[in-house]
Amino acid sequence: MKHSQLPEEDPVFEKPSKSEIKRRLEARQTLAEEISKLTPDKWKQMPIPERLLEGLQETAQVRSHGGIRRHIQFLGKIMGTFSEEEVQAMKQALIKIVGVNRASKMKI
């Protein structure tokens, strides 16, 4: 007789699926895009790490449509290196700055 293991019996940590990782990174990229639309004065009110701040400052120099798209992807890549707590802190600060109504219309 075979004994099947139930999921509760196996305490092995499951890593997130590729789809979950992709959704998480796309959400961070969207957050970076929304932050990049703010003025530099508002960036100072947010807990933005130095690496991302440098990338945001370069955003004003990018003019072409394809360049803007690639730059937003670059900002998303930088955001992917941050912890969940750092990302949540930036998200909450963005909501506080733009207001709940406008934030609800964003894709963050």
PDB file of N, CA and C in Angstrom:
ATOM      1  N   MET A   1       0.835  -1.171   0.000  1.00  0.00           N
ATOM      2  CA  MET A   1       0.000   0.000   0.000  1.00  0.00           C
ATOM      3  C   MET A   1       0.886   1.242   0.000  1.00  0.00           C
ATOM      4  N   LYS A   2       0.589   2.172  -0.883  1.00  0.00           N
ATOM      5  CA  LYS A   2       1.388   3.380  -1.007  1.00  0.00           C
ATOM      6  C   LYS A   2       0.903   4.432  -0.020  1.00  0.00           C
ATOM      7  N   HIS A   3       1.856   5.139   0.532  1.00  0.00           N
ATOM      8  CA  HIS A   3       1.534   6.248   1.428  1.00  0.00           C
ATOM      9  C   HIS A   3       1.794   7.548   0.674  1.00  0.00           C
ATOM     10  N   SER A   4       0.776   8.318   0.563  1.00  0.00           N
ATOM     11  CA  SER A   4       0.962   9.612  -0.107  1.00  0.00           C
ATOM     12  C   SER A   4       1.221  10.680   0.949  1.00  0.00           C
ATOM     13  N   GLN A   5       2.106  11.575   0.599  1.00  0.00           N
ATOM     14  CA  GLN A   5       2.399  12.673   1.518  1.00  0.00           C
ATOM     15  C   GLN A   5       1.447  13.825   1.226  1.00  0.00           C
ATOM     16  N   LEU A   6       0.865  14.320   2.259  1.00  0.00           N
ATOM     17  CA  LEU A   6       0.004  15.481   2.125  1.00  0.00           C
ATOM     18  C   LEU A   6       0.871  16.736   2.155  1.00  0.00           C
ATOM     19  N   PRO A   7       0.440  17.810   1.541  1.00  0.00           N
ATOM     20  CA  PRO A   7       1.247  19.038   1.541  1.00  0.00           C
ATOM     21  C   PRO A   7       1.566  19.546   2.943  1.00  0.00           C
ATOM     22  N   GLU A   8       0.673  19.280   3.906  1.00  0.00           N
ATOM     23  CA  GLU A   8       0.922  19.767   5.258  1.00  0.00           C
ATOM     24  C   GLU A   8       2.084  19.016   5.918  1.00  0.00           C
ATOM     25  N   GLU A   9       2.333  17.804   5.466  1.00  0.00           N
ATOM     26  CA  GLU A   9       3.382  16.995   6.068  1.00  0.00           C
ATOM     27  C   GLU A   9       4.754  17.373   5.541  1.00  0.00           C
ATOM     28  N   ASP A  10       4.814  17.950   4.377  1.00  0.00           N
ATOM     29  CA  ASP A  10       6.087  18.266   3.746  1.00  0.00           C
ATOM     30  C   ASP A  10       6.393  19.759   3.928  1.00  0.00           C
ATOM     31  N   PRO A  11       7.266  20.111   4.876  1.00  0.00           N
ATOM     32  CA  PRO A  11       7.521  21.517   5.167  1.00  0.00           C
ATOM     33  C   PRO A  11       8.508  22.179   4.206  1.00  0.00           C
ATOM     34  N   VAL A  12       8.660  21.649   3.002  1.00  0.00           N
ATOM     35  CA  VAL A  12       9.598  22.204   2.042  1.00  0.00           C
ATOM     36  C   VAL A  12       9.079  23.547   1.535  1.00  0.00           C
ATOM     37  N   PHE A  13       9.954  24.528   1.550  1.00  0.00           N
ATOM     38  CA  PHE A  13       9.583  25.864   1.078  1.00  0.00           C
ATOM     39  C   PHE A  13       9.489  25.841  -0.441  1.00  0.00           C
ATOM     40  N   GLU A  14       8.350  26.310  -0.960  1.00  0.00           N
ATOM     41  CA  GLU A  14       8.190  26.386  -2.400  1.00  0.00           C
ATOM     42  C   GLU A  14       8.626  27.751  -2.879  1.00  0.00           C
ATOM     43  N   LYS A  15       9.482  27.762  -3.882  1.00  0.00           N
ATOM     44  CA  LYS A  15       9.892  29.051  -4.430  1.00  0.00           C
ATOM     45  C   LYS A  15       8.772  29.583  -5.306  1.00  0.00           C
ATOM     46  N   PRO A  16       8.720  30.897  -5.469  1.00  0.00           N
ATOM     47  CA  PRO A  16       7.643  31.468  -6.284  1.00  0.00           C
ATOM     48  C   PRO A  16       7.780  31.030  -7.745  1.00  0.00           C
ATOM     49  N   SER A  17       6.657  30.942  -8.419  1.00  0.00           N
ATOM     50  CA  SER A  17       6.668  30.541  -9.822  1.00  0.00           C
ATOM     51  C   SER A  17       7.248  31.664 -10.675  1.00  0.00           C
ATOM     52  N   LYS A  18       7.591  31.329 -11.907  1.00  0.00           N
ATOM     53  CA  LYS A  18       8.107  32.337 -12.822  1.00  0.00           C
ATOM     54  C   LYS A  18       7.066  33.433 -13.043  1.00  0.00           C
ATOM     55  N   SER A  19       5.820  33.037 -13.121  1.00  0.00           N
ATOM     56  CA  SER A  19       4.748  34.018 -13.327  1.00  0.00           C
ATOM     57  C   SER A  19       4.645  34.978 -12.152  1.00  0.00           C
ATOM     58  N   GLU A  20       4.779  34.444 -10.934  1.00  0.00           N
ATOM     59  CA  GLU A  20       4.709  35.295  -9.737  1.00  0.00           C
ATOM     60  C   GLU A  20       5.888  36.267  -9.700  1.00  0.00           C
ATOM     61  N   ILE A  21       7.061  35.778 -10.046  1.00  0.00           N
ATOM     62  CA  ILE A  21       8.242  36.646 -10.074  1.00  0.00           C
ATOM     63  C   ILE A  21       8.054  37.738 -11.119  1.00  0.00           C
ATOM     64  N   LYS A  22       7.543  37.368 -12.298  1.00  0.00           N
ATOM     65  CA  LYS A  22       7.329  38.343 -13.363  1.00  0.00           C
ATOM     66  C   LYS A  22       6.296  39.392 -12.950  1.00  0.00           C
ATOM     67  N   ARG A  23       5.206  38.974 -12.309  1.00  0.00           N
ATOM     68  CA  ARG A  23       4.195  39.933 -11.845  1.00  0.00           C
ATOM     69  C   ARG A  23       4.789  40.895 -10.833  1.00  0.00           C
ATOM     70  N   ARG A  24       5.599  40.381  -9.932  1.00  0.00           N
ATOM     71  CA  ARG A  24       6.220  41.218  -8.909  1.00  0.00           C
ATOM     72  C   ARG A  24       7.159  42.255  -9.538  1.00  0.00           C
ATOM     73  N   LEU A  25       7.970  41.816 -10.508  1.00  0.00           N
ATOM     74  CA  LEU A  25       8.901  42.736 -11.154  1.00  0.00           C
ATOM     75  C   LEU A  25       8.173  43.755 -12.021  1.00  0.00           C
ATOM     76  N   GLU A  26       7.090  43.348 -12.675  1.00  0.00           N
ATOM     77  CA  GLU A  26       6.307  44.303 -13.460  1.00  0.00           C
ATOM     78  C   GLU A  26       5.652  45.342 -12.557  1.00  0.00           C
ATOM     79  N   ALA A  27       5.208  44.926 -11.380  1.00  0.00           N
ATOM     80  CA  ALA A  27       4.620  45.875 -10.434  1.00  0.00           C
ATOM     81  C   ALA A  27       5.670  46.877  -9.957  1.00  0.00           C
ATOM     82  N   ARG A  28       6.875  46.398  -9.740  1.00  0.00           N
ATOM     83  CA  ARG A  28       7.945  47.306  -9.315  1.00  0.00           C
ATOM     84  C   ARG A  28       8.321  48.261 -10.436  1.00  0.00           C
ATOM     85  N   GLN A  29       8.298  47.763 -11.678  1.00  0.00           N
ATOM     86  CA  GLN A  29       8.593  48.624 -12.820  1.00  0.00           C
ATOM     87  C   GLN A  29       7.530  49.709 -12.953  1.00  0.00           C
ATOM     88  N   THR A  30       6.276  49.350 -12.740  1.00  0.00           N
ATOM     89  CA  THR A  30       5.193  50.323 -12.796  1.00  0.00           C
ATOM     90  C   THR A  30       5.346  51.365 -11.693  1.00  0.00           C
ATOM     91  N   LEU A  31       5.726  50.920 -10.515  1.00  0.00           N
ATOM     92  CA  LEU A  31       5.954  51.857  -9.411  1.00  0.00           C
ATOM     93  C   LEU A  31       7.094  52.810  -9.759  1.00  0.00           C
ATOM     94  N   ALA A  32       8.169  52.295 -10.349  1.00  0.00           N
ATOM     95  CA  ALA A  32       9.295  53.147 -10.745  1.00  0.00           C
ATOM     96  C   ALA A  32       8.854  54.163 -11.796  1.00  0.00           C
ATOM     97  N   GLU A  33       7.995  53.736 -12.718  1.00  0.00           N
ATOM     98  CA  GLU A  33       7.501  54.649 -13.751  1.00  0.00           C
ATOM     99  C   GLU A  33       6.683  55.778 -13.135  1.00  0.00           C
ATOM    100  N   GLU A  34       5.823  55.444 -12.180  1.00  0.00           N
ATOM    101  CA  GLU A  34       5.003  56.465 -11.526  1.00  0.00           C
ATOM    102  C   GLU A  34       5.869  57.419 -10.712  1.00  0.00           C
ATOM    103  N   ILE A  35       6.888  56.888 -10.058  1.00  0.00           N
ATOM    104  CA  ILE A  35       7.797  57.749  -9.288  1.00  0.00           C
ATOM    105  C   ILE A  35       8.552  58.674 -10.230  1.00  0.00           C
ATOM    106  N   SER A  36       8.938  58.165 -11.412  1.00  0.00           N
ATOM    107  CA  SER A  36       9.701  58.984 -12.357  1.00  0.00           C
ATOM    108  C   SER A  36       8.888  60.158 -12.887  1.00  0.00           C
ATOM    109  N   LYS A  37       7.568  60.080 -12.825  1.00  0.00           N
ATOM    110  CA  LYS A  37       6.712  61.167 -13.298  1.00  0.00           C
ATOM    111  C   LYS A  37       6.620  62.318 -12.294  1.00  0.00           C
ATOM    112  N   LEU A  38       7.070  62.063 -11.058  1.00  0.00           N
ATOM    113  CA  LEU A  38       7.039  63.111 -10.032  1.00  0.00           C
ATOM    114  C   LEU A  38       8.194  64.085 -10.224  1.00  0.00           C
ATOM    115  N   THR A  39       8.111  65.212  -9.569  1.00  0.00           N
ATOM    116  CA  THR A  39       9.195  66.190  -9.626  1.00  0.00           C
ATOM    117  C   THR A  39      10.301  65.783  -8.655  1.00  0.00           C
ATOM    118  N   PRO A  40      11.527  66.234  -8.916  1.00  0.00           N
ATOM    119  CA  PRO A  40      12.625  65.920  -7.997  1.00  0.00           C
ATOM    120  C   PRO A  40      12.375  66.383  -6.562  1.00  0.00           C
ATOM    121  N   ASP A  41      11.606  67.450  -6.373  1.00  0.00           N
ATOM    122  CA  ASP A  41      11.289  67.906  -5.017  1.00  0.00           C
ATOM    123  C   ASP A  41      10.481  66.850  -4.266  1.00  0.00           C
ATOM    124  N   LYS A  42       9.590  66.187  -4.979  1.00  0.00           N
ATOM    125  CA  LYS A  42       8.783  65.150  -4.335  1.00  0.00           C
ATOM    126  C   LYS A  42       9.582  63.881  -4.076  1.00  0.00           C
ATOM    127  N   TRP A  43      10.617  63.638  -4.899  1.00  0.00           N
ATOM    128  CA  TRP A  43      11.481  62.476  -4.649  1.00  0.00           C
ATOM    129  C   TRP A  43      12.162  62.619  -3.294  1.00  0.00           C
ATOM    130  N   LYS A  44      12.480  63.867  -2.929  1.00  0.00           N
ATOM    131  CA  LYS A  44      13.161  64.104  -1.656  1.00  0.00           C
ATOM    132  C   LYS A  44      12.285  63.755  -0.460  1.00  0.00           C
ATOM    133  N   GLN A  45      10.970  63.720  -0.665  1.00  0.00           N
ATOM    134  CA  GLN A  45      10.037  63.389   0.410  1.00  0.00           C
ATOM    135  C   GLN A  45       9.859  61.875   0.556  1.00  0.00           C
ATOM    136  N   MET A  46      10.473  61.131  -0.336  1.00  0.00           N
ATOM    137  CA  MET A  46      10.289  59.676  -0.346  1.00  0.00           C
ATOM    138  C   MET A  46      11.566  58.974   0.093  1.00  0.00           C
ATOM    139  N   PRO A  47      11.420  57.766   0.644  1.00  0.00           N
ATOM    140  CA  PRO A  47      12.607  56.986   1.032  1.00  0.00           C
ATOM    141  C   PRO A  47      13.182  56.243  -0.177  1.00  0.00           C
ATOM    142  N   ILE A  48      13.807  56.981  -1.092  1.00  0.00           N
ATOM    143  CA  ILE A  48      14.347  56.395  -2.313  1.00  0.00           C
ATOM    144  C   ILE A  48      15.830  56.129  -2.122  1.00  0.00           C
ATOM    145  N   PRO A  49      16.264  54.872  -2.314  1.00  0.00           N
ATOM    146  CA  PRO A  49      17.691  54.558  -2.215  1.00  0.00           C
ATOM    147  C   PRO A  49      18.502  55.290  -3.294  1.00  0.00           C
ATOM    148  N   GLU A  50      19.767  55.487  -3.035  1.00  0.00           N
ATOM    149  CA  GLU A  50      20.643  56.276  -3.897  1.00  0.00           C
ATOM    150  C   GLU A  50      20.707  55.742  -5.327  1.00  0.00           C
ATOM    151  N   ARG A  51      20.775  54.415  -5.480  1.00  0.00           N
ATOM    152  CA  ARG A  51      20.872  53.833  -6.827  1.00  0.00           C
ATOM    153  C   ARG A  51      19.671  54.225  -7.680  1.00  0.00           C
ATOM    154  N   LEU A  52      18.482  54.153  -7.109  1.00  0.00           N
ATOM    155  CA  LEU A  52      17.277  54.499  -7.848  1.00  0.00           C
ATOM    156  C   LEU A  52      17.212  56.003  -8.097  1.00  0.00           C
ATOM    157  N   LEU A  53      17.649  56.786  -7.134  1.00  0.00           N
ATOM    158  CA  LEU A  53      17.633  58.238  -7.285  1.00  0.00           C
ATOM    159  C   LEU A  53      18.511  58.673  -8.453  1.00  0.00           C
ATOM    160  N   GLU A  54      19.656  58.042  -8.606  1.00  0.00           N
ATOM    161  CA  GLU A  54      20.538  58.359  -9.732  1.00  0.00           C
ATOM    162  C   GLU A  54      19.860  58.025 -11.053  1.00  0.00           C
ATOM    163  N   GLY A  55      19.187  56.883 -11.114  1.00  0.00           N
ATOM    164  CA  GLY A  55      18.465  56.498 -12.321  1.00  0.00           C
ATOM    165  C   GLY A  55      17.316  57.438 -12.630  1.00  0.00           C
ATOM    166  N   LEU A  56      16.629  57.882 -11.588  1.00  0.00           N
ATOM    167  CA  LEU A  56      15.517  58.821 -11.782  1.00  0.00           C
ATOM    168  C   LEU A  56      16.017  60.157 -12.314  1.00  0.00           C
ATOM    169  N   GLN A  57      17.170  60.584 -11.857  1.00  0.00           N
ATOM    170  CA  GLN A  57      17.719  61.854 -12.313  1.00  0.00           C
ATOM    171  C   GLN A  57      18.106  61.792 -13.788  1.00  0.00           C
ATOM    172  N   GLU A  58      18.463  60.609 -14.275  1.00  0.00           N
ATOM    173  CA  GLU A  58      18.798  60.430 -15.690  1.00  0.00           C
ATOM    174  C   GLU A  58      17.554  60.428 -16.575  1.00  0.00           C
ATOM    175  N   THR A  59      16.380  60.223 -15.991  1.00  0.00           N
ATOM    176  CA  THR A  59      15.146  60.122 -16.758  1.00  0.00           C
ATOM    177  C   THR A  59      14.883  61.367 -17.589  1.00  0.00           C
ATOM    178  N   ALA A  60      15.184  62.534 -17.077  1.00  0.00           N
ATOM    179  CA  ALA A  60      14.920  63.792 -17.786  1.00  0.00           C
ATOM    180  C   ALA A  60      15.739  63.905 -19.067  1.00  0.00           C
ATOM    181  N   GLN A  61      16.850  63.200 -19.148  1.00  0.00           N
ATOM    182  CA  GLN A  61      17.714  63.300 -20.321  1.00  0.00           C
ATOM    183  C   GLN A  61      17.261  62.383 -21.455  1.00  0.00           C
ATOM    184  N   VAL A  62      16.404  61.421 -21.170  1.00  0.00           N
ATOM    185  CA  VAL A  62      15.953  60.467 -22.178  1.00  0.00           C
ATOM    186  C   VAL A  62      14.775  61.080 -22.935  1.00  0.00           C
ATOM    187  N   ARG A  63      14.848  61.111 -24.247  1.00  0.00           N
ATOM    188  CA  ARG A  63      13.827  61.785 -25.044  1.00  0.00           C
ATOM    189  C   ARG A  63      13.033  60.845 -25.954  1.00  0.00           C
ATOM    190  N   SER A  64      13.682  59.877 -26.581  1.00  0.00           N
ATOM    191  CA  SER A  64      12.976  59.045 -27.556  1.00  0.00           C
ATOM    192  C   SER A  64      12.037  58.065 -26.865  1.00  0.00           C
ATOM    193  N   HIS A  65      10.987  57.672 -27.584  1.00  0.00           N
ATOM    194  CA  HIS A  65       9.985  56.761 -27.013  1.00  0.00           C
ATOM    195  C   HIS A  65      10.625  55.429 -26.606  1.00  0.00           C
ATOM    196  N   GLY A  66      11.426  54.866 -27.495  1.00  0.00           N
ATOM    197  CA  GLY A  66      12.096  53.601 -27.184  1.00  0.00           C
ATOM    198  C   GLY A  66      13.071  53.749 -26.032  1.00  0.00           C
ATOM    199  N   GLY A  67      13.731  54.892 -25.983  1.00  0.00           N
ATOM    200  CA  GLY A  67      14.672  55.148 -24.899  1.00  0.00           C
ATOM    201  C   GLY A  67      13.973  55.264 -23.561  1.00  0.00           C
ATOM    202  N   ILE A  68      12.817  55.901 -23.565  1.00  0.00           N
ATOM    203  CA  ILE A  68      12.046  56.035 -22.327  1.00  0.00           C
ATOM    204  C   ILE A  68      11.605  54.658 -21.844  1.00  0.00           C
ATOM    205  N   ARG A  69      11.125  53.835 -22.787  1.00  0.00           N
ATOM    206  CA  ARG A  69      10.676  52.480 -22.435  1.00  0.00           C
ATOM    207  C   ARG A  69      11.826  51.670 -21.834  1.00  0.00           C
ATOM    208  N   ARG A  70      12.995  51.731 -22.479  1.00  0.00           N
ATOM    209  CA  ARG A  70      14.161  50.998 -21.966  1.00  0.00           C
ATOM    210  C   ARG A  70      14.606  51.541 -20.610  1.00  0.00           C
ATOM    211  N   HIS A  71      14.521  52.856 -20.453  1.00  0.00           N
ATOM    212  CA  HIS A  71      14.938  53.451 -19.179  1.00  0.00           C
ATOM    213  C   HIS A  71      14.000  53.030 -18.046  1.00  0.00           C
ATOM    214  N   ILE A  72      12.701  52.954 -18.325  1.00  0.00           N
ATOM    215  CA  ILE A  72      11.745  52.496 -17.319  1.00  0.00           C
ATOM    216  C   ILE A  72      12.042  51.041 -16.960  1.00  0.00           C
ATOM    217  N   GLN A  73      12.405  50.233 -17.953  1.00  0.00           N
ATOM    218  CA  GLN A  73      12.785  48.846 -17.671  1.00  0.00           C
ATOM    219  C   GLN A  73      14.032  48.804 -16.796  1.00  0.00           C
ATOM    220  N   PHE A  74      14.972  49.711 -17.059  1.00  0.00           N
ATOM    221  CA  PHE A  74      16.182  49.802 -16.244  1.00  0.00           C
ATOM    222  C   PHE A  74      15.833  50.163 -14.799  1.00  0.00           C
ATOM    223  N   LEU A  75      14.927  51.133 -14.629  1.00  0.00           N
ATOM    224  CA  LEU A  75      14.494  51.508 -13.283  1.00  0.00           C
ATOM    225  C   LEU A  75      13.822  50.317 -12.595  1.00  0.00           C
ATOM    226  N   GLY A  76      13.027  49.559 -13.346  1.00  0.00           N
ATOM    227  CA  GLY A  76      12.393  48.366 -12.794  1.00  0.00           C
ATOM    228  C   GLY A  76      13.412  47.333 -12.361  1.00  0.00           C
ATOM    229  N   LYS A  77      14.491  47.218 -13.127  1.00  0.00           N
ATOM    230  CA  LYS A  77      15.558  46.276 -12.765  1.00  0.00           C
ATOM    231  C   LYS A  77      16.223  46.700 -11.458  1.00  0.00           C
ATOM    232  N   ILE A  78      16.433  47.996 -11.311  1.00  0.00           N
ATOM    233  CA  ILE A  78      16.996  48.500 -10.056  1.00  0.00           C
ATOM    234  C   ILE A  78      16.033  48.210  -8.904  1.00  0.00           C
ATOM    235  N   MET A  79      14.739  48.451  -9.138  1.00  0.00           N
ATOM    236  CA  MET A  79      13.722  48.202  -8.101  1.00  0.00           C
ATOM    237  C   MET A  79      13.689  46.732  -7.704  1.00  0.00           C
ATOM    238  N   GLY A  80      14.013  45.848  -8.642  1.00  0.00           N
ATOM    239  CA  GLY A  80      14.004  44.417  -8.360  1.00  0.00           C
ATOM    240  C   GLY A  80      15.039  44.003  -7.325  1.00  0.00           C
ATOM    241  N   THR A  81      16.044  44.837  -7.108  1.00  0.00           N
ATOM    242  CA  THR A  81      17.089  44.495  -6.140  1.00  0.00           C
ATOM    243  C   THR A  81      16.720  44.898  -4.712  1.00  0.00           C
ATOM    244  N   PHE A  82      15.645  45.666  -4.555  1.00  0.00           N
ATOM    245  CA  PHE A  82      15.271  46.154  -3.233  1.00  0.00           C
ATOM    246  C   PHE A  82      14.409  45.138  -2.496  1.00  0.00           C
ATOM    247  N   SER A  83      14.449  45.210  -1.183  1.00  0.00           N
ATOM    248  CA  SER A  83      13.616  44.326  -0.365  1.00  0.00           C
ATOM    249  C   SER A  83      12.154  44.740  -0.469  1.00  0.00           C
ATOM    250  N   GLU A  84      11.287  43.851  -0.087  1.00  0.00           N
ATOM    251  CA  GLU A  84       9.849  44.120  -0.132  1.00  0.00           C
ATOM    252  C   GLU A  84       9.490  45.298   0.779  1.00  0.00           C
ATOM    253  N   GLU A  85      10.189  45.421   1.909  1.00  0.00           N
ATOM    254  CA  GLU A  85       9.914  46.509   2.841  1.00  0.00           C
ATOM    255  C   GLU A  85      10.257  47.865   2.220  1.00  0.00           C
ATOM    256  N   GLU A  86      11.394  47.927   1.494  1.00  0.00           N
ATOM    257  CA  GLU A  86      11.785  49.180   0.850  1.00  0.00           C
ATOM    258  C   GLU A  86      10.770  49.582  -0.217  1.00  0.00           C
ATOM    259  N   VAL A  87      10.311  48.601  -0.980  1.00  0.00           N
ATOM    260  CA  VAL A  87       9.343  48.865  -2.037  1.00  0.00           C
ATOM    261  C   VAL A  87       8.017  49.338  -1.437  1.00  0.00           C
ATOM    262  N   GLN A  88       7.577  48.687  -0.371  1.00  0.00           N
ATOM    263  CA  GLN A  88       6.333  49.087   0.272  1.00  0.00           C
ATOM    264  C   GLN A  88       6.441  50.491   0.853  1.00  0.00           C
ATOM    265  N   ALA A  89       7.600  50.837   1.396  1.00  0.00           N
ATOM    266  CA  ALA A  89       7.799  52.185   1.946  1.00  0.00           C
ATOM    267  C   ALA A  89       7.706  53.236   0.845  1.00  0.00           C
ATOM    268  N   MET A  90       8.297  52.937  -0.328  1.00  0.00           N
ATOM    269  CA  MET A  90       8.213  53.871  -1.450  1.00  0.00           C
ATOM    270  C   MET A  90       6.775  53.977  -1.956  1.00  0.00           C
ATOM    271  N   LYS A  91       6.088  52.859  -1.994  1.00  0.00           N
ATOM    272  CA  LYS A  91       4.703  52.851  -2.460  1.00  0.00           C
ATOM    273  C   LYS A  91       3.813  53.672  -1.527  1.00  0.00           C
ATOM    274  N   GLN A  92       3.981  53.486  -0.220  1.00  0.00           N
ATOM    275  CA  GLN A  92       3.188  54.245   0.748  1.00  0.00           C
ATOM    276  C   GLN A  92       3.501  55.735   0.664  1.00  0.00           C
ATOM    277  N   ALA A  93       4.772  56.070   0.463  1.00  0.00           N
ATOM    278  CA  ALA A  93       5.145  57.482   0.331  1.00  0.00           C
ATOM    279  C   ALA A  93       4.536  58.083  -0.931  1.00  0.00           C
ATOM    280  N   LEU A  94       4.509  57.310  -2.020  1.00  0.00           N
ATOM    281  CA  LEU A  94       3.893  57.790  -3.259  1.00  0.00           C
ATOM    282  C   LEU A  94       2.406  58.044  -3.062  1.00  0.00           C
ATOM    283  N   ILE A  95       1.739  57.127  -2.389  1.00  0.00           N
ATOM    284  CA  ILE A  95       0.310  57.297  -2.118  1.00  0.00           C
ATOM    285  C   ILE A  95       0.070  58.538  -1.259  1.00  0.00           C
ATOM    286  N   LYS A  96       0.944  58.752  -0.294  1.00  0.00           N
ATOM    287  CA  LYS A  96       0.809  59.924   0.574  1.00  0.00           C
ATOM    288  C   LYS A  96       1.004  61.223  -0.207  1.00  0.00           C
ATOM    289  N   ILE A  97       1.919  61.224  -1.157  1.00  0.00           N
ATOM    290  CA  ILE A  97       2.217  62.431  -1.930  1.00  0.00           C
ATOM    291  C   ILE A  97       1.113  62.735  -2.942  1.00  0.00           C
ATOM    292  N   VAL A  98       0.688  61.727  -3.697  1.00  0.00           N
ATOM    293  CA  VAL A  98      -0.285  61.988  -4.770  1.00  0.00           C
ATOM    294  C   VAL A  98      -1.726  61.921  -4.297  1.00  0.00           C
ATOM    295  N   GLY A  99      -1.958  61.339  -3.148  1.00  0.00           N
ATOM    296  CA  GLY A  99      -3.307  61.210  -2.629  1.00  0.00           C
ATOM    297  C   GLY A  99      -3.907  59.850  -2.976  1.00  0.00           C
ATOM    298  N   VAL A 100      -4.841  59.432  -2.184  1.00  0.00           N
ATOM    299  CA  VAL A 100      -5.442  58.101  -2.325  1.00  0.00           C
ATOM    300  C   VAL A 100      -6.229  57.987  -3.634  1.00  0.00           C
ATOM    301  N   ASN A 101      -6.960  59.057  -3.991  1.00  0.00           N
ATOM    302  CA  ASN A 101      -7.783  58.994  -5.202  1.00  0.00           C
ATOM    303  C   ASN A 101      -6.945  58.802  -6.446  1.00  0.00           C
ATOM    304  N   ARG A 102      -5.904  59.602  -6.595  1.00  0.00           N
ATOM    305  CA  ARG A 102      -5.046  59.474  -7.775  1.00  0.00           C
ATOM    306  C   ARG A 102      -4.266  58.170  -7.747  1.00  0.00           C
ATOM    307  N   ALA A 103      -3.842  57.745  -6.563  1.00  0.00           N
ATOM    308  CA  ALA A 103      -3.086  56.502  -6.440  1.00  0.00           C
ATOM    309  C   ALA A 103      -3.946  55.302  -6.828  1.00  0.00           C
ATOM    310  N   SER A 104      -5.239  55.378  -6.543  1.00  0.00           N
ATOM    311  CA  SER A 104      -6.120  54.253  -6.897  1.00  0.00           C
ATOM    312  C   SER A 104      -6.269  54.129  -8.421  1.00  0.00           C
ATOM    313  N   LYS A 105      -6.058  55.215  -9.149  1.00  0.00           N
ATOM    314  CA  LYS A 105      -6.122  55.175 -10.615  1.00  0.00           C
ATOM    315  C   LYS A 105      -4.822  54.685 -11.235  1.00  0.00           C
ATOM    316  N   MET A 106      -3.751  54.726 -10.466  1.00  0.00           N
ATOM    317  CA  MET A 106      -2.453  54.215 -10.945  1.00  0.00           C
ATOM    318  C   MET A 106      -2.484  52.703 -10.910  1.00  0.00           C
ATOM    319  N   LYS A 107      -1.545  52.104 -11.596  1.00  0.00           N
ATOM    320  CA  LYS A 107      -1.477  50.643 -11.634  1.00  0.00           C
ATOM    321  C   LYS A 107      -0.510  50.087 -10.581  1.00  0.00           C
ATOM    322  N   ILE A 108      -0.387  50.795  -9.464  1.00  0.00           N
ATOM    323  CA  ILE A 108       0.567  50.349  -8.443  1.00  0.00           C
ATOM    324  C   ILE A 108      -0.097  49.459  -7.430  1.00  0.00           C
TER     325      ILE A 108
END
